[in-house]
């Protein structure tokens, strides 16, 4: 029998045993992100992106990008 070597291979049976739904999808996404971080054959940029996604940093970065770029009180007044 083949030994599971990656994080995703090790946790896949437990995830598959869960009933379908949002919790299963969320857990699968977290497991995939963790697996990407642990693998050495993945490009470092992709591993850093997965780390941000896993720690919630992607939401922070997206919020910063959506914020207005002009500071209040600057520029011409209408």
PDB file of N, CA and C in Angstrom:
ATOM      1  N   UNK A   1       0.839  -1.175   0.000  1.00  0.00           N
ATOM      2  CA  UNK A   1       0.000   0.000   0.000  1.00  0.00           C
ATOM      3  C   UNK A   1       0.889   1.246   0.000  1.00  0.00           C
ATOM      4  N   UNK A   2       0.488   2.236  -0.801  1.00  0.00           N
ATOM      5  CA  UNK A   2       1.262   3.469  -0.920  1.00  0.00           C
ATOM      6  C   UNK A   2       1.040   4.355   0.302  1.00  0.00           C
ATOM      7  N   UNK A   3       2.135   4.883   0.809  1.00  0.00           N
ATOM      8  CA  UNK A   3       2.065   5.775   1.973  1.00  0.00           C
ATOM      9  C   UNK A   3       1.723   7.186   1.508  1.00  0.00           C
ATOM     10  N   UNK A   4       0.797   7.856   2.199  1.00  0.00           N
ATOM     11  CA  UNK A   4       0.449   9.237   1.884  1.00  0.00           C
ATOM     12  C   UNK A   4       1.620  10.135   2.253  1.00  0.00           C
ATOM     13  N   UNK A   5       2.036  10.946   1.315  1.00  0.00           N
ATOM     14  CA  UNK A   5       3.213  11.773   1.559  1.00  0.00           C
ATOM     15  C   UNK A   5       2.877  13.253   1.731  1.00  0.00           C
ATOM     16  N   UNK A   6       1.827  13.739   1.104  1.00  0.00           N
ATOM     17  CA  UNK A   6       1.503  15.157   1.225  1.00  0.00           C
ATOM     18  C   UNK A   6       0.398  15.348   2.259  1.00  0.00           C
ATOM     19  N   UNK A   7       0.285  16.557   2.733  1.00  0.00           N
ATOM     20  CA  UNK A   7      -0.736  16.873   3.731  1.00  0.00           C
ATOM     21  C   UNK A   7      -2.125  16.567   3.192  1.00  0.00           C
ATOM     22  N   UNK A   8      -2.378  16.950   1.959  1.00  0.00           N
ATOM     23  CA  UNK A   8      -3.698  16.730   1.374  1.00  0.00           C
ATOM     24  C   UNK A   8      -4.024  15.245   1.269  1.00  0.00           C
ATOM     25  N   UNK A   9      -3.046  14.429   0.906  1.00  0.00           N
ATOM     26  CA  UNK A   9      -3.254  12.980   0.836  1.00  0.00           C
ATOM     27  C   UNK A   9      -3.566  12.398   2.212  1.00  0.00           C
ATOM     28  N   UNK A  10      -2.945  12.966   3.245  1.00  0.00           N
ATOM     29  CA  UNK A  10      -3.170  12.442   4.594  1.00  0.00           C
ATOM     30  C   UNK A  10      -4.544  12.802   5.149  1.00  0.00           C
ATOM     31  N   UNK A  11      -5.047  13.998   4.812  1.00  0.00           N
ATOM     32  CA  UNK A  11      -6.329  14.425   5.390  1.00  0.00           C
ATOM     33  C   UNK A  11      -7.517  14.160   4.467  1.00  0.00           C
ATOM     34  N   UNK A  12      -7.264  13.769   3.219  1.00  0.00           N
ATOM     35  CA  UNK A  12      -8.343  13.544   2.252  1.00  0.00           C
ATOM     36  C   UNK A  12      -9.393  12.539   2.748  1.00  0.00           C
ATOM     37  N   UNK A  13      -9.020  11.412   3.358  1.00  0.00           N
ATOM     38  CA  UNK A  13     -10.053  10.489   3.828  1.00  0.00           C
ATOM     39  C   UNK A  13     -10.995  11.114   4.866  1.00  0.00           C
ATOM     40  N   UNK A  14     -10.448  11.926   5.746  1.00  0.00           N
ATOM     41  CA  UNK A  14     -11.293  12.573   6.758  1.00  0.00           C
ATOM     42  C   UNK A  14     -12.219  13.607   6.115  1.00  0.00           C
ATOM     43  N   UNK A  15     -11.713  14.335   5.131  1.00  0.00           N
ATOM     44  CA  UNK A  15     -12.537  15.329   4.447  1.00  0.00           C
ATOM     45  C   UNK A  15     -13.627  14.644   3.630  1.00  0.00           C
ATOM     46  N   UNK A  16     -13.272  13.552   2.961  1.00  0.00           N
ATOM     47  CA  UNK A  16     -14.263  12.831   2.154  1.00  0.00           C
ATOM     48  C   UNK A  16     -15.379  12.238   3.009  1.00  0.00           C
ATOM     49  N   UNK A  17     -15.087  11.951   4.276  1.00  0.00           N
ATOM     50  CA  UNK A  17     -16.089  11.360   5.163  1.00  0.00           C
ATOM     51  C   UNK A  17     -17.127  12.381   5.630  1.00  0.00           C
ATOM     52  N   UNK A  18     -16.824  13.671   5.493  1.00  0.00           N
ATOM     53  CA  UNK A  18     -17.756  14.709   5.924  1.00  0.00           C
ATOM     54  C   UNK A  18     -18.933  14.812   4.955  1.00  0.00           C
ATOM     55  N   UNK A  19     -20.093  15.228   5.450  1.00  0.00           N
ATOM     56  CA  UNK A  19     -21.231  15.455   4.540  1.00  0.00           C
ATOM     57  C   UNK A  19     -20.959  16.685   3.672  1.00  0.00           C
ATOM     58  N   UNK A  20     -21.505  16.689   2.463  1.00  0.00           N
ATOM     59  CA  UNK A  20     -21.314  17.823   1.559  1.00  0.00           C
ATOM     60  C   UNK A  20     -21.900  19.087   2.165  1.00  0.00           C
ATOM     61  N   UNK A  21     -21.222  20.196   1.914  1.00  0.00           N
ATOM     62  CA  UNK A  21     -21.698  21.471   2.431  1.00  0.00           C
ATOM     63  C   UNK A  21     -20.565  22.485   2.497  1.00  0.00           C
ATOM     64  N   UNK A  22     -20.888  23.633   3.076  1.00  0.00           N
ATOM     65  CA  UNK A  22     -19.925  24.732   3.158  1.00  0.00           C
ATOM     66  C   UNK A  22     -18.730  24.368   4.044  1.00  0.00           C
ATOM     67  N   UNK A  23     -18.971  23.634   5.132  1.00  0.00           N
ATOM     68  CA  UNK A  23     -17.869  23.263   6.026  1.00  0.00           C
ATOM     69  C   UNK A  23     -16.854  22.368   5.316  1.00  0.00           C
ATOM     70  N   UNK A  24     -17.359  21.440   4.533  1.00  0.00           N
ATOM     71  CA  UNK A  24     -16.463  20.539   3.801  1.00  0.00           C
ATOM     72  C   UNK A  24     -15.651  21.323   2.772  1.00  0.00           C
ATOM     73  N   UNK A  25     -16.293  22.247   2.064  1.00  0.00           N
ATOM     74  CA  UNK A  25     -15.595  23.061   1.068  1.00  0.00           C
ATOM     75  C   UNK A  25     -14.523  23.928   1.724  1.00  0.00           C
ATOM     76  N   UNK A  26     -14.851  24.520   2.866  1.00  0.00           N
ATOM     77  CA  UNK A  26     -13.894  25.368   3.580  1.00  0.00           C
ATOM     78  C   UNK A  26     -12.707  24.551   4.066  1.00  0.00           C
ATOM     79  N   UNK A  27     -12.977  23.392   4.642  1.00  0.00           N
ATOM     80  CA  UNK A  27     -11.901  22.534   5.129  1.00  0.00           C
ATOM     81  C   UNK A  27     -11.019  22.059   3.985  1.00  0.00           C
ATOM     82  N   UNK A  28     -11.612  21.748   2.852  1.00  0.00           N
ATOM     83  CA  UNK A  28     -10.830  21.324   1.687  1.00  0.00           C
ATOM     84  C   UNK A  28      -9.940  22.463   1.195  1.00  0.00           C
ATOM     85  N   UNK A  29     -10.464  23.675   1.158  1.00  0.00           N
ATOM     86  CA  UNK A  29      -9.662  24.827   0.733  1.00  0.00           C
ATOM     87  C   UNK A  29      -8.499  25.067   1.692  1.00  0.00           C
ATOM     88  N   UNK A  30      -8.751  24.944   2.988  1.00  0.00           N
ATOM     89  CA  UNK A  30      -7.675  25.109   3.970  1.00  0.00           C
ATOM     90  C   UNK A  30      -6.623  24.019   3.830  1.00  0.00           C
ATOM     91  N   UNK A  31      -7.060  22.782   3.606  1.00  0.00           N
ATOM     92  CA  UNK A  31      -6.119  21.676   3.442  1.00  0.00           C
ATOM     93  C   UNK A  31      -5.281  21.860   2.180  1.00  0.00           C
ATOM     94  N   UNK A  32      -5.901  22.349   1.106  1.00  0.00           N
ATOM     95  CA  UNK A  32      -5.150  22.584  -0.121  1.00  0.00           C
ATOM     96  C   UNK A  32      -4.114  23.695   0.066  1.00  0.00           C
ATOM     97  N   UNK A  33      -4.484  24.740   0.788  1.00  0.00           N
ATOM     98  CA  UNK A  33      -3.537  25.821   1.054  1.00  0.00           C
ATOM     99  C   UNK A  33      -2.370  25.312   1.905  1.00  0.00           C
ATOM    100  N   UNK A  34      -2.667  24.536   2.937  1.00  0.00           N
ATOM    101  CA  UNK A  34      -1.611  23.981   3.791  1.00  0.00           C
ATOM    102  C   UNK A  34      -0.710  23.053   2.998  1.00  0.00           C
ATOM    103  N   UNK A  35      -1.286  22.262   2.118  1.00  0.00           N
ATOM    104  CA  UNK A  35      -0.522  21.346   1.288  1.00  0.00           C
ATOM    105  C   UNK A  35       0.426  22.116   0.368  1.00  0.00           C
ATOM    106  N   UNK A  36      -0.059  23.202  -0.207  1.00  0.00           N
ATOM    107  CA  UNK A  36       0.763  24.027  -1.086  1.00  0.00           C
ATOM    108  C   UNK A  36       1.941  24.618  -0.330  1.00  0.00           C
ATOM    109  N   UNK A  37       1.705  25.046   0.905  1.00  0.00           N
ATOM    110  CA  UNK A  37       2.766  25.639   1.719  1.00  0.00           C
ATOM    111  C   UNK A  37       3.851  24.613   2.034  1.00  0.00           C
ATOM    112  N   UNK A  38       3.466  23.386   2.317  1.00  0.00           N
ATOM    113  CA  UNK A  38       4.423  22.358   2.736  1.00  0.00           C
ATOM    114  C   UNK A  38       5.226  21.766   1.591  1.00  0.00           C
ATOM    115  N   UNK A  39       4.703  21.816   0.380  1.00  0.00           N
ATOM    116  CA  UNK A  39       5.365  21.161  -0.744  1.00  0.00           C
ATOM    117  C   UNK A  39       6.567  21.953  -1.229  1.00  0.00           C
ATOM    118  N   UNK A  40       7.642  21.275  -1.469  1.00  0.00           N
ATOM    119  CA  UNK A  40       8.856  21.918  -1.935  1.00  0.00           C
ATOM    120  C   UNK A  40       8.901  22.107  -3.434  1.00  0.00           C
ATOM    121  N   UNK A  41       8.045  21.404  -4.179  1.00  0.00           N
ATOM    122  CA  UNK A  41       8.060  21.499  -5.631  1.00  0.00           C
ATOM    123  C   UNK A  41       7.146  22.600  -6.169  1.00  0.00           C
ATOM    124  N   UNK A  42       6.585  23.419  -5.272  1.00  0.00           N
ATOM    125  CA  UNK A  42       5.718  24.525  -5.668  1.00  0.00           C
ATOM    126  C   UNK A  42       6.530  25.812  -5.651  1.00  0.00           C
ATOM    127  N   UNK A  43       6.291  26.664  -6.629  1.00  0.00           N
ATOM    128  CA  UNK A  43       7.023  27.936  -6.733  1.00  0.00           C
ATOM    129  C   UNK A  43       6.823  28.751  -5.448  1.00  0.00           C
ATOM    130  N   UNK A  44       7.869  29.396  -4.945  1.00  0.00           N
ATOM    131  CA  UNK A  44       7.776  30.166  -3.699  1.00  0.00           C
ATOM    132  C   UNK A  44       6.691  31.246  -3.709  1.00  0.00           C
ATOM    133  N   UNK A  45       6.436  31.849  -4.868  1.00  0.00           N
ATOM    134  CA  UNK A  45       5.383  32.853  -4.956  1.00  0.00           C
ATOM    135  C   UNK A  45       4.012  32.236  -4.657  1.00  0.00           C
ATOM    136  N   UNK A  46       3.781  31.053  -5.205  1.00  0.00           N
ATOM    137  CA  UNK A  46       2.511  30.363  -4.972  1.00  0.00           C
ATOM    138  C   UNK A  46       2.391  29.918  -3.518  1.00  0.00           C
ATOM    139  N   UNK A  47       3.519  29.528  -2.931  1.00  0.00           N
ATOM    140  CA  UNK A  47       3.491  29.137  -1.520  1.00  0.00           C
ATOM    141  C   UNK A  47       3.193  30.337  -0.637  1.00  0.00           C
ATOM    142  N   UNK A  48       3.756  31.505  -0.963  1.00  0.00           N
ATOM    143  CA  UNK A  48       3.478  32.717  -0.190  1.00  0.00           C
ATOM    144  C   UNK A  48       2.018  33.129  -0.331  1.00  0.00           C
ATOM    145  N   UNK A  49       1.474  33.004  -1.527  1.00  0.00           N
ATOM    146  CA  UNK A  49       0.064  33.318  -1.741  1.00  0.00           C
ATOM    147  C   UNK A  49      -0.831  32.383  -0.934  1.00  0.00           C
ATOM    148  N   UNK A  50      -0.477  31.108  -0.902  1.00  0.00           N
ATOM    149  CA  UNK A  50      -1.249  30.145  -0.118  1.00  0.00           C
ATOM    150  C   UNK A  50      -1.153  30.456   1.376  1.00  0.00           C
ATOM    151  N   UNK A  51       0.015  30.908   1.824  1.00  0.00           N
ATOM    152  CA  UNK A  51       0.186  31.277   3.234  1.00  0.00           C
ATOM    153  C   UNK A  51      -0.707  32.461   3.580  1.00  0.00           C
ATOM    154  N   UNK A  52      -0.748  33.462   2.692  1.00  0.00           N
ATOM    155  CA  UNK A  52      -1.620  34.610   2.926  1.00  0.00           C
ATOM    156  C   UNK A  52      -3.074  34.194   2.961  1.00  0.00           C
ATOM    157  N   UNK A  53      -3.448  33.308   2.051  1.00  0.00           N
ATOM    158  CA  UNK A  53      -4.825  32.826   2.005  1.00  0.00           C
ATOM    159  C   UNK A  53      -5.166  32.054   3.282  1.00  0.00           C
ATOM    160  N   UNK A  54      -4.230  31.259   3.749  1.00  0.00           N
ATOM    161  CA  UNK A  54      -4.462  30.446   4.935  1.00  0.00           C
ATOM    162  C   UNK A  54      -4.583  31.295   6.195  1.00  0.00           C
ATOM    163  N   UNK A  55      -3.805  32.350   6.276  1.00  0.00           N
ATOM    164  CA  UNK A  55      -3.835  33.195   7.473  1.00  0.00           C
ATOM    165  C   UNK A  55      -4.839  34.331   7.384  1.00  0.00           C
ATOM    166  N   UNK A  56      -5.538  34.413   6.270  1.00  0.00           N
ATOM    167  CA  UNK A  56      -6.536  35.458   6.128  1.00  0.00           C
ATOM    168  C   UNK A  56      -5.977  36.747   5.585  1.00  0.00           C
ATOM    169  N   UNK A  57      -4.721  36.754   5.215  1.00  0.00           N
ATOM    170  CA  UNK A  57      -4.093  37.957   4.703  1.00  0.00           C
ATOM    171  C   UNK A  57      -4.620  38.376   3.342  1.00  0.00           C
ATOM    172  N   UNK A  58      -5.144  37.439   2.583  1.00  0.00           N
ATOM    173  CA  UNK A  58      -5.667  37.782   1.265  1.00  0.00           C
ATOM    174  C   UNK A  58      -6.859  38.720   1.398  1.00  0.00           C
ATOM    175  N   UNK A  59      -7.667  38.531   2.414  1.00  0.00           N
ATOM    176  CA  UNK A  59      -8.819  39.416   2.617  1.00  0.00           C
ATOM    177  C   UNK A  59      -8.356  40.815   2.997  1.00  0.00           C
ATOM    178  N   UNK A  60      -7.291  40.901   3.754  1.00  0.00           N
ATOM    179  CA  UNK A  60      -6.754  42.206   4.157  1.00  0.00           C
ATOM    180  C   UNK A  60      -6.198  42.931   2.941  1.00  0.00           C
ATOM    181  N   UNK A  61      -5.442  42.222   2.113  1.00  0.00           N
ATOM    182  CA  UNK A  61      -4.868  42.826   0.922  1.00  0.00           C
ATOM    183  C   UNK A  61      -5.972  43.265  -0.028  1.00  0.00           C
ATOM    184  N   UNK A  62      -7.000  42.456  -0.206  1.00  0.00           N
ATOM    185  CA  UNK A  62      -8.108  42.812  -1.080  1.00  0.00           C
ATOM    186  C   UNK A  62      -8.831  44.045  -0.551  1.00  0.00           C
ATOM    187  N   UNK A  63      -8.962  44.165   0.757  1.00  0.00           N
ATOM    188  CA  UNK A  63      -9.600  45.326   1.360  1.00  0.00           C
ATOM    189  C   UNK A  63      -8.791  46.584   1.141  1.00  0.00           C
ATOM    190  N   UNK A  64      -7.475  46.458   1.164  1.00  0.00           N
ATOM    191  CA  UNK A  64      -6.605  47.612   0.929  1.00  0.00           C
ATOM    192  C   UNK A  64      -6.710  48.082  -0.512  1.00  0.00           C
ATOM    193  N   UNK A  65      -6.813  47.131  -1.438  1.00  0.00           N
ATOM    194  CA  UNK A  65      -6.905  47.492  -2.847  1.00  0.00           C
ATOM    195  C   UNK A  65      -8.226  48.170  -3.145  1.00  0.00           C
ATOM    196  N   UNK A  66      -9.278  47.811  -2.424  1.00  0.00           N
ATOM    197  CA  UNK A  66     -10.595  48.377  -2.663  1.00  0.00           C
ATOM    198  C   UNK A  66     -10.753  49.748  -2.010  1.00  0.00           C
ATOM    199  N   UNK A  67      -9.884  50.103  -1.085  1.00  0.00           N
ATOM    200  CA  UNK A  67      -9.982  51.384  -0.375  1.00  0.00           C
ATOM    201  C   UNK A  67      -9.698  52.532  -1.335  1.00  0.00           C
ATOM    202  N   UNK A  68     -10.341  53.674  -1.119  1.00  0.00           N
ATOM    203  CA  UNK A  68     -10.088  54.814  -1.997  1.00  0.00           C
ATOM    204  C   UNK A  68      -8.639  55.290  -1.872  1.00  0.00           C
ATOM    205  N   UNK A  69      -8.089  55.758  -2.974  1.00  0.00           N
ATOM    206  CA  UNK A  69      -6.686  56.156  -2.976  1.00  0.00           C
ATOM    207  C   UNK A  69      -6.495  57.625  -2.640  1.00  0.00           C
ATOM    208  N   UNK A  70      -7.537  58.442  -2.746  1.00  0.00           N
ATOM    209  CA  UNK A  70      -7.420  59.854  -2.431  1.00  0.00           C
ATOM    210  C   UNK A  70      -7.672  60.095  -0.959  1.00  0.00           C
ATOM    211  N   UNK A  71      -6.852  60.931  -0.381  1.00  0.00           N
ATOM    212  CA  UNK A  71      -7.044  61.304   1.021  1.00  0.00           C
ATOM    213  C   UNK A  71      -8.075  62.428   1.080  1.00  0.00           C
ATOM    214  N   UNK A  72      -8.851  62.446   2.134  1.00  0.00           N
ATOM    215  CA  UNK A  72      -9.865  63.499   2.299  1.00  0.00           C
ATOM    216  C   UNK A  72      -9.171  64.835   2.518  1.00  0.00           C
ATOM    217  N   UNK A  73      -9.793  65.903   1.983  1.00  0.00           N
ATOM    218  CA  UNK A  73      -9.263  67.218   2.197  1.00  0.00           C
ATOM    219  C   UNK A  73      -8.231  67.663   1.190  1.00  0.00           C
ATOM    220  N   UNK A  74      -7.865  66.797   0.270  1.00  0.00           N
ATOM    221  CA  UNK A  74      -6.882  67.141  -0.753  1.00  0.00           C
ATOM    222  C   UNK A  74      -7.578  67.403  -2.073  1.00  0.00           C
ATOM    223  N   UNK A  75      -6.945  68.164  -2.896  1.00  0.00           N
ATOM    224  CA  UNK A  75      -7.470  68.405  -4.230  1.00  0.00           C
ATOM    225  C   UNK A  75      -8.444  69.567  -4.283  1.00  0.00           C
ATOM    226  N   UNK A  76      -9.056  69.709  -5.434  1.00  0.00           N
ATOM    227  CA  UNK A  76      -9.981  70.817  -5.635  1.00  0.00           C
ATOM    228  C   UNK A  76     -11.304  70.560  -4.930  1.00  0.00           C
ATOM    229  N   UNK A  77     -11.887  71.624  -4.414  1.00  0.00           N
ATOM    230  CA  UNK A  77     -13.209  71.519  -3.819  1.00  0.00           C
ATOM    231  C   UNK A  77     -14.235  71.847  -4.890  1.00  0.00           C
ATOM    232  N   UNK A  78     -15.343  71.129  -4.923  1.00  0.00           N
ATOM    233  CA  UNK A  78     -16.337  71.390  -5.958  1.00  0.00           C
ATOM    234  C   UNK A  78     -17.044  72.704  -5.779  1.00  0.00           C
TER     235      UNK A  78
END
